Amino acid sequence: GTWVKMHLDGDRPAISGVVATCNEDGTLDLQCDDQTLVQNVPREHVQHVEMSKTVAAALEREEEGCVDGVEMFFSTFVRALMGGAMFAKLTQEQQRVASEKVQQLRPHFEKELQLLREERGCGAVVTAEDIQLMLPRVMARSKAN
């Protein structure tokens, strides 16, 4: 199905999903990222989501683990960075400094995640490819401050 975001209520942010069915009456049934099926959504409440082919392919493979919220995303990201072989080779002092620097990136990641949420809708899955695309922007924001 096609990746979309749906605006079900003007007061709430858009929700991420995939078109499951195009109904005869012109409405759509949408499968949300949390596996909820929303039926009979008017087409005017649905907007196509643009994404790179690599991100779309990763989402189709469903190889990404789901985390809920910015806090869990950032914790998972930090653990992945600090669990690597390169990090283990650093001295304790170097690890401490690296840890502090990574923690300082949080507001920049939060901004990128907000932009992703606006682009794809709330509940959108963040892939490894998304993170690779975010990193240069996060680093640029970090250097600008």
N, C-alpha and C. Protein backbone atom coordinates (compact mmCIF):
# COMPACT_ATOMS: atom_id res chain seq x y z
N GLY A 1 0.81 -1.20 0.00
CA GLY A 1 0.00 0.00 0.00
C GLY A 1 0.85 1.25 0.00
N THR A 2 0.22 2.34 -0.28
CA THR A 2 0.86 3.65 -0.32
C THR A 2 0.95 4.24 1.08
N TRP A 3 2.09 4.82 1.41
CA TRP A 3 2.27 5.48 2.72
C TRP A 3 1.58 6.83 2.69
N VAL A 4 0.80 7.08 3.73
CA VAL A 4 0.03 8.32 3.82
C VAL A 4 0.04 8.83 5.26
N LYS A 5 -0.44 10.05 5.41
CA LYS A 5 -0.78 10.54 6.74
C LYS A 5 -2.22 11.01 6.66
N MET A 6 -2.96 10.76 7.73
CA MET A 6 -4.37 11.11 7.73
C MET A 6 -4.67 12.13 8.81
N HIS A 7 -5.51 13.07 8.45
CA HIS A 7 -5.93 14.13 9.36
C HIS A 7 -7.37 13.83 9.77
N LEU A 8 -7.54 13.08 10.85
CA LEU A 8 -8.86 12.65 11.27
C LEU A 8 -9.58 13.70 12.10
N ASP A 9 -8.82 14.51 12.81
CA ASP A 9 -9.41 15.52 13.69
C ASP A 9 -8.53 16.75 13.59
N GLY A 10 -9.13 17.89 13.31
CA GLY A 10 -8.37 19.12 13.13
C GLY A 10 -7.54 19.52 14.33
N ASP A 11 -7.89 19.02 15.52
CA ASP A 11 -7.17 19.39 16.74
C ASP A 11 -5.98 18.50 17.04
N ARG A 12 -5.91 17.35 16.38
CA ARG A 12 -4.83 16.39 16.64
C ARG A 12 -3.87 16.33 15.47
N PRO A 13 -2.61 15.94 15.73
CA PRO A 13 -1.67 15.80 14.62
C PRO A 13 -2.09 14.68 13.68
N ALA A 14 -1.57 14.72 12.46
CA ALA A 14 -1.84 13.67 11.48
C ALA A 14 -1.27 12.34 11.98
N ILE A 15 -1.86 11.25 11.51
CA ILE A 15 -1.45 9.90 11.91
C ILE A 15 -0.85 9.20 10.70
N SER A 16 0.23 8.48 10.90
CA SER A 16 0.90 7.75 9.84
C SER A 16 0.18 6.44 9.55
N GLY A 17 0.15 6.05 8.28
CA GLY A 17 -0.46 4.77 7.93
C GLY A 17 -0.22 4.40 6.47
N VAL A 18 -0.84 3.29 6.08
CA VAL A 18 -0.72 2.76 4.72
C VAL A 18 -2.13 2.50 4.21
N VAL A 19 -2.35 2.79 2.93
CA VAL A 19 -3.65 2.51 2.33
C VAL A 19 -3.82 0.99 2.24
N ALA A 20 -4.85 0.48 2.92
CA ALA A 20 -5.14 -0.95 2.89
C ALA A 20 -6.15 -1.28 1.80
N THR A 21 -7.17 -0.40 1.65
CA THR A 21 -8.24 -0.65 0.67
C THR A 21 -8.77 0.68 0.15
N CYS A 22 -9.04 0.71 -1.16
CA CYS A 22 -9.77 1.82 -1.76
C CYS A 22 -11.21 1.35 -1.92
N ASN A 23 -12.13 1.97 -1.22
CA ASN A 23 -13.53 1.54 -1.21
C ASN A 23 -14.29 2.12 -2.40
N GLU A 24 -15.38 1.46 -2.77
CA GLU A 24 -16.21 1.88 -3.91
C GLU A 24 -16.79 3.28 -3.73
N ASP A 25 -17.03 3.68 -2.48
CA ASP A 25 -17.61 5.00 -2.23
C ASP A 25 -16.57 6.12 -2.23
N GLY A 26 -15.31 5.78 -2.55
CA GLY A 26 -14.24 6.78 -2.63
C GLY A 26 -13.47 6.97 -1.34
N THR A 27 -13.92 6.33 -0.26
CA THR A 27 -13.18 6.41 1.00
C THR A 27 -12.05 5.39 1.00
N LEU A 28 -11.18 5.49 1.99
CA LEU A 28 -10.04 4.59 2.11
C LEU A 28 -10.05 3.91 3.47
N ASP A 29 -9.59 2.67 3.49
CA ASP A 29 -9.31 1.99 4.75
C ASP A 29 -7.80 2.07 4.94
N LEU A 30 -7.37 2.54 6.09
CA LEU A 30 -5.95 2.78 6.34
C LEU A 30 -5.45 1.95 7.51
N GLN A 31 -4.29 1.32 7.31
CA GLN A 31 -3.64 0.54 8.35
C GLN A 31 -2.61 1.45 9.02
N CYS A 32 -2.83 1.76 10.30
CA CYS A 32 -1.88 2.61 11.03
C CYS A 32 -0.63 1.81 11.36
N ASP A 33 0.44 2.53 11.69
CA ASP A 33 1.70 1.86 12.04
C ASP A 33 1.56 0.99 13.27
N ASP A 34 0.57 1.28 14.14
CA ASP A 34 0.36 0.44 15.33
C ASP A 34 -0.58 -0.73 15.04
N GLN A 35 -0.85 -0.99 13.75
CA GLN A 35 -1.69 -2.09 13.26
C GLN A 35 -3.19 -1.85 13.42
N THR A 36 -3.59 -0.66 13.85
CA THR A 36 -5.01 -0.32 13.92
C THR A 36 -5.53 -0.07 12.51
N LEU A 37 -6.71 -0.58 12.19
CA LEU A 37 -7.33 -0.33 10.90
C LEU A 37 -8.38 0.77 11.07
N VAL A 38 -8.24 1.85 10.29
CA VAL A 38 -9.20 2.95 10.31
C VAL A 38 -9.96 2.88 8.99
N GLN A 39 -11.25 2.68 9.08
CA GLN A 39 -12.05 2.44 7.88
C GLN A 39 -12.82 3.68 7.43
N ASN A 40 -13.08 3.71 6.12
CA ASN A 40 -13.93 4.73 5.50
C ASN A 40 -13.46 6.16 5.74
N VAL A 41 -12.16 6.38 5.57
CA VAL A 41 -11.59 7.71 5.73
C VAL A 41 -11.79 8.48 4.42
N PRO A 42 -12.42 9.65 4.46
CA PRO A 42 -12.59 10.44 3.23
C PRO A 42 -11.23 10.81 2.64
N ARG A 43 -11.12 10.74 1.31
CA ARG A 43 -9.84 11.02 0.64
C ARG A 43 -9.28 12.40 0.97
N GLU A 44 -10.17 13.37 1.22
CA GLU A 44 -9.68 14.72 1.52
C GLU A 44 -8.98 14.81 2.87
N HIS A 45 -9.07 13.77 3.68
CA HIS A 45 -8.38 13.72 4.97
C HIS A 45 -7.05 12.97 4.89
N VAL A 46 -6.69 12.54 3.67
CA VAL A 46 -5.50 11.71 3.47
C VAL A 46 -4.52 12.43 2.56
N GLN A 47 -3.24 12.39 2.96
CA GLN A 47 -2.19 13.04 2.17
C GLN A 47 -1.07 12.03 1.93
N HIS A 48 -0.63 11.91 0.67
CA HIS A 48 0.48 11.02 0.31
C HIS A 48 1.76 11.48 1.01
N VAL A 49 2.58 10.53 1.45
CA VAL A 49 3.85 10.84 2.11
C VAL A 49 5.00 10.49 1.16
N GLU A 50 5.83 11.48 0.88
CA GLU A 50 7.02 11.27 0.06
C GLU A 50 8.15 10.74 0.93
N MET A 51 8.87 9.74 0.45
CA MET A 51 10.04 9.22 1.16
C MET A 51 10.99 8.61 0.16
N SER A 52 12.24 8.48 0.55
CA SER A 52 13.24 7.90 -0.35
C SER A 52 12.94 6.43 -0.57
N LYS A 53 13.47 5.88 -1.65
CA LYS A 53 13.27 4.47 -1.97
C LYS A 53 13.86 3.56 -0.90
N THR A 54 15.01 3.97 -0.32
CA THR A 54 15.63 3.12 0.71
C THR A 54 14.80 3.09 1.98
N VAL A 55 14.21 4.22 2.36
CA VAL A 55 13.35 4.26 3.54
C VAL A 55 12.09 3.44 3.28
N ALA A 56 11.48 3.61 2.10
CA ALA A 56 10.28 2.85 1.76
C ALA A 56 10.56 1.35 1.76
N ALA A 57 11.72 0.95 1.23
CA ALA A 57 12.08 -0.47 1.20
C ALA A 57 12.26 -1.02 2.61
N ALA A 58 12.88 -0.25 3.49
CA ALA A 58 13.07 -0.69 4.88
C ALA A 58 11.72 -0.84 5.58
N LEU A 59 10.81 0.08 5.32
CA LEU A 59 9.48 -0.01 5.92
C LEU A 59 8.72 -1.21 5.38
N GLU A 60 8.88 -1.51 4.11
CA GLU A 60 8.21 -2.67 3.52
C GLU A 60 8.73 -3.97 4.11
N ARG A 61 10.03 -4.01 4.41
CA ARG A 61 10.63 -5.22 4.99
C ARG A 61 10.24 -5.37 6.46
N GLU A 62 9.74 -4.30 7.05
CA GLU A 62 9.35 -4.29 8.46
C GLU A 62 10.46 -4.82 9.36
N GLU A 63 11.68 -4.38 9.07
CA GLU A 63 12.81 -4.87 9.86
C GLU A 63 13.14 -3.98 11.04
N GLU A 64 12.44 -2.89 11.17
CA GLU A 64 12.75 -1.95 12.24
C GLU A 64 12.00 -2.32 13.51
N GLY A 65 12.65 -2.18 14.66
CA GLY A 65 11.97 -2.36 15.93
C GLY A 65 11.24 -1.08 16.28
N CYS A 66 10.09 -1.21 16.88
CA CYS A 66 9.30 -0.03 17.23
C CYS A 66 9.67 0.46 18.62
N VAL A 67 9.81 1.76 18.75
CA VAL A 67 9.98 2.38 20.06
C VAL A 67 8.91 3.45 20.16
N ASP A 68 8.47 3.70 21.36
CA ASP A 68 7.37 4.63 21.56
C ASP A 68 7.89 5.93 22.15
N GLY A 69 7.87 6.98 21.36
CA GLY A 69 8.21 8.31 21.85
C GLY A 69 9.68 8.68 21.69
N VAL A 70 9.93 9.96 21.86
CA VAL A 70 11.27 10.53 21.70
C VAL A 70 12.23 9.97 22.74
N GLU A 71 11.76 9.85 23.98
CA GLU A 71 12.62 9.36 25.07
C GLU A 71 13.16 7.96 24.74
N MET A 72 12.27 7.07 24.35
CA MET A 72 12.68 5.70 24.03
C MET A 72 13.56 5.68 22.77
N PHE A 73 13.22 6.50 21.77
CA PHE A 73 14.05 6.57 20.56
C PHE A 73 15.47 6.98 20.91
N PHE A 74 15.60 8.07 21.69
CA PHE A 74 16.93 8.57 21.99
C PHE A 74 17.70 7.58 22.86
N SER A 75 17.05 6.95 23.81
CA SER A 75 17.71 5.94 24.64
C SER A 75 18.22 4.78 23.80
N THR A 76 17.39 4.33 22.86
CA THR A 76 17.79 3.23 21.96
C THR A 76 18.96 3.66 21.09
N PHE A 77 18.89 4.89 20.58
CA PHE A 77 19.97 5.41 19.74
C PHE A 77 21.28 5.48 20.52
N VAL A 78 21.23 6.02 21.73
CA VAL A 78 22.43 6.16 22.55
C VAL A 78 23.01 4.78 22.88
N ARG A 79 22.16 3.82 23.25
CA ARG A 79 22.64 2.47 23.55
C ARG A 79 23.32 1.84 22.33
N ALA A 80 22.74 2.06 21.17
CA ALA A 80 23.33 1.51 19.94
C ALA A 80 24.71 2.11 19.68
N LEU A 81 24.82 3.42 19.86
CA LEU A 81 26.11 4.08 19.66
C LEU A 81 27.16 3.60 20.66
N MET A 82 26.75 3.50 21.91
CA MET A 82 27.70 3.20 22.97
C MET A 82 27.92 1.70 23.15
N GLY A 83 27.16 0.90 22.43
CA GLY A 83 27.35 -0.54 22.52
C GLY A 83 28.28 -1.06 21.44
N GLY A 84 28.76 -0.17 20.59
CA GLY A 84 29.60 -0.58 19.47
C GLY A 84 31.04 -0.87 19.88
N ALA A 85 31.73 -1.57 19.01
CA ALA A 85 33.12 -1.97 19.26
C ALA A 85 34.04 -0.75 19.37
N MET A 86 33.79 0.27 18.56
CA MET A 86 34.65 1.47 18.62
C MET A 86 34.56 2.14 19.98
N PHE A 87 33.34 2.24 20.51
CA PHE A 87 33.14 2.88 21.81
C PHE A 87 33.85 2.09 22.90
N ALA A 88 33.79 0.77 22.83
CA ALA A 88 34.41 -0.09 23.84
C ALA A 88 35.92 0.08 23.89
N LYS A 89 36.52 0.49 22.79
CA LYS A 89 37.98 0.66 22.73
C LYS A 89 38.45 1.96 23.39
N LEU A 90 37.51 2.87 23.65
CA LEU A 90 37.87 4.15 24.27
C LEU A 90 38.18 3.97 25.75
N THR A 91 39.03 4.87 26.28
CA THR A 91 39.28 4.87 27.71
C THR A 91 38.01 5.33 28.42
N GLN A 92 37.96 5.14 29.75
CA GLN A 92 36.78 5.58 30.50
C GLN A 92 36.54 7.07 30.35
N GLU A 93 37.60 7.85 30.37
CA GLU A 93 37.46 9.31 30.21
C GLU A 93 36.94 9.64 28.81
N GLN A 94 37.46 8.99 27.79
CA GLN A 94 36.99 9.23 26.44
C GLN A 94 35.51 8.82 26.30
N GLN A 95 35.13 7.72 26.95
CA GLN A 95 33.74 7.28 26.92
C GLN A 95 32.84 8.32 27.60
N ARG A 96 33.29 8.87 28.71
CA ARG A 96 32.52 9.89 29.42
C ARG A 96 32.29 11.11 28.53
N VAL A 97 33.37 11.59 27.91
CA VAL A 97 33.28 12.76 27.03
C VAL A 97 32.36 12.46 25.84
N ALA A 98 32.52 11.29 25.24
CA ALA A 98 31.68 10.91 24.10
C ALA A 98 30.22 10.84 24.51
N SER A 99 29.96 10.29 25.68
CA SER A 99 28.60 10.18 26.18
C SER A 99 27.97 11.56 26.36
N GLU A 100 28.72 12.49 26.92
CA GLU A 100 28.23 13.86 27.10
C GLU A 100 27.91 14.51 25.76
N LYS A 101 28.79 14.31 24.80
CA LYS A 101 28.59 14.91 23.47
C LYS A 101 27.34 14.34 22.80
N VAL A 102 27.13 13.03 22.92
CA VAL A 102 25.94 12.41 22.34
C VAL A 102 24.69 12.96 23.02
N GLN A 103 24.72 13.09 24.34
CA GLN A 103 23.57 13.62 25.07
C GLN A 103 23.24 15.05 24.63
N GLN A 104 24.26 15.81 24.27
CA GLN A 104 24.04 17.19 23.82
C GLN A 104 23.35 17.25 22.45
N LEU A 105 23.33 16.14 21.73
CA LEU A 105 22.67 16.09 20.42
C LEU A 105 21.15 15.93 20.54
N ARG A 106 20.67 15.60 21.72
CA ARG A 106 19.25 15.29 21.90
C ARG A 106 18.31 16.37 21.36
N PRO A 107 18.49 17.64 21.69
CA PRO A 107 17.54 18.64 21.16
C PRO A 107 17.52 18.68 19.63
N HIS A 108 18.66 18.40 19.02
CA HIS A 108 18.74 18.42 17.56
C HIS A 108 18.02 17.21 16.97
N PHE A 109 18.13 16.06 17.64
CA PHE A 109 17.36 14.88 17.21
C PHE A 109 15.88 15.11 17.42
N GLU A 110 15.51 15.75 18.51
CA GLU A 110 14.10 16.04 18.77
C GLU A 110 13.52 16.89 17.65
N LYS A 111 14.28 17.87 17.18
CA LYS A 111 13.82 18.71 16.07
C LYS A 111 13.64 17.88 14.81
N GLU A 112 14.59 17.01 14.51
CA GLU A 112 14.48 16.14 13.33
C GLU A 112 13.29 15.19 13.44
N LEU A 113 13.05 14.65 14.62
CA LEU A 113 11.91 13.76 14.81
C LEU A 113 10.60 14.52 14.67
N GLN A 114 10.57 15.77 15.13
CA GLN A 114 9.38 16.59 14.95
C GLN A 114 9.12 16.83 13.47
N LEU A 115 10.16 17.11 12.71
CA LEU A 115 10.01 17.31 11.26
C LEU A 115 9.51 16.04 10.58
N LEU A 116 10.04 14.89 11.01
CA LEU A 116 9.61 13.61 10.46
C LEU A 116 8.14 13.36 10.79
N ARG A 117 7.73 13.67 12.01
CA ARG A 117 6.34 13.50 12.44
C ARG A 117 5.42 14.38 11.60
N GLU A 118 5.85 15.61 11.33
CA GLU A 118 5.05 16.52 10.51
C GLU A 118 4.96 16.00 9.07
N GLU A 119 6.04 15.43 8.58
CA GLU A 119 6.09 14.93 7.21
C GLU A 119 5.27 13.66 7.02
N ARG A 120 5.39 12.70 7.96
CA ARG A 120 4.76 11.39 7.80
C ARG A 120 3.57 11.14 8.70
N GLY A 121 3.41 11.93 9.74
CA GLY A 121 2.32 11.73 10.68
C GLY A 121 2.82 11.07 11.96
N CYS A 122 2.05 11.26 13.03
CA CYS A 122 2.40 10.67 14.33
C CYS A 122 2.37 9.16 14.22
N GLY A 123 3.28 8.52 14.92
CA GLY A 123 3.34 7.07 14.92
C GLY A 123 4.18 6.51 13.79
N ALA A 124 4.76 7.37 12.97
CA ALA A 124 5.58 6.89 11.85
C ALA A 124 6.80 6.14 12.38
N VAL A 125 7.15 5.07 11.71
CA VAL A 125 8.32 4.28 12.07
C VAL A 125 9.56 5.00 11.58
N VAL A 126 10.58 5.06 12.43
CA VAL A 126 11.86 5.67 12.06
C VAL A 126 12.81 4.53 11.72
N THR A 127 13.32 4.53 10.51
CA THR A 127 14.21 3.46 10.06
C THR A 127 15.67 3.84 10.25
N ALA A 128 16.54 2.86 10.11
CA ALA A 128 17.98 3.12 10.15
C ALA A 128 18.36 4.10 9.04
N GLU A 129 17.69 3.98 7.90
CA GLU A 129 17.94 4.89 6.78
C GLU A 129 17.54 6.32 7.16
N ASP A 130 16.42 6.46 7.88
CA ASP A 130 16.00 7.79 8.35
C ASP A 130 17.09 8.39 9.23
N ILE A 131 17.62 7.60 10.13
CA ILE A 131 18.66 8.09 11.05
C ILE A 131 19.89 8.51 10.27
N GLN A 132 20.27 7.72 9.25
CA GLN A 132 21.43 8.10 8.43
C GLN A 132 21.19 9.43 7.73
N LEU A 133 19.95 9.68 7.32
CA LEU A 133 19.63 10.96 6.68
C LEU A 133 19.59 12.09 7.70
N MET A 134 19.20 11.80 8.94
CA MET A 134 19.12 12.81 9.99
C MET A 134 20.49 13.24 10.50
N LEU A 135 21.41 12.30 10.60
CA LEU A 135 22.70 12.58 11.25
C LEU A 135 23.42 13.81 10.72
N PRO A 136 23.56 13.98 9.40
CA PRO A 136 24.26 15.19 8.94
C PRO A 136 23.55 16.48 9.37
N ARG A 137 22.22 16.48 9.37
CA ARG A 137 21.47 17.67 9.79
C ARG A 137 21.62 17.90 11.28
N VAL A 138 21.61 16.82 12.05
CA VAL A 138 21.81 16.93 13.52
C VAL A 138 23.19 17.52 13.79
N MET A 139 24.19 17.00 13.11
CA MET A 139 25.55 17.49 13.34
C MET A 139 25.70 18.95 12.91
N ALA A 140 25.05 19.33 11.81
CA ALA A 140 25.11 20.73 11.36
C ALA A 140 24.46 21.65 12.38
N ARG A 141 23.31 21.23 12.93
CA ARG A 141 22.64 22.04 13.96
C ARG A 141 23.52 22.15 15.20
N SER A 142 24.15 21.06 15.54
CA SER A 142 25.01 21.03 16.73
C SER A 142 26.18 22.00 16.58
N LYS A 143 26.78 22.03 15.39
CA LYS A 143 27.92 22.93 15.15
C LYS A 143 27.48 24.39 15.10
N ALA A 144 26.25 24.62 14.67
CA ALA A 144 25.74 26.00 14.56
C ALA A 144 25.48 26.62 15.93
N ASN A 145 25.30 25.79 16.96
CA ASN A 145 25.02 26.31 18.31
C ASN A 145 26.26 26.59 19.08
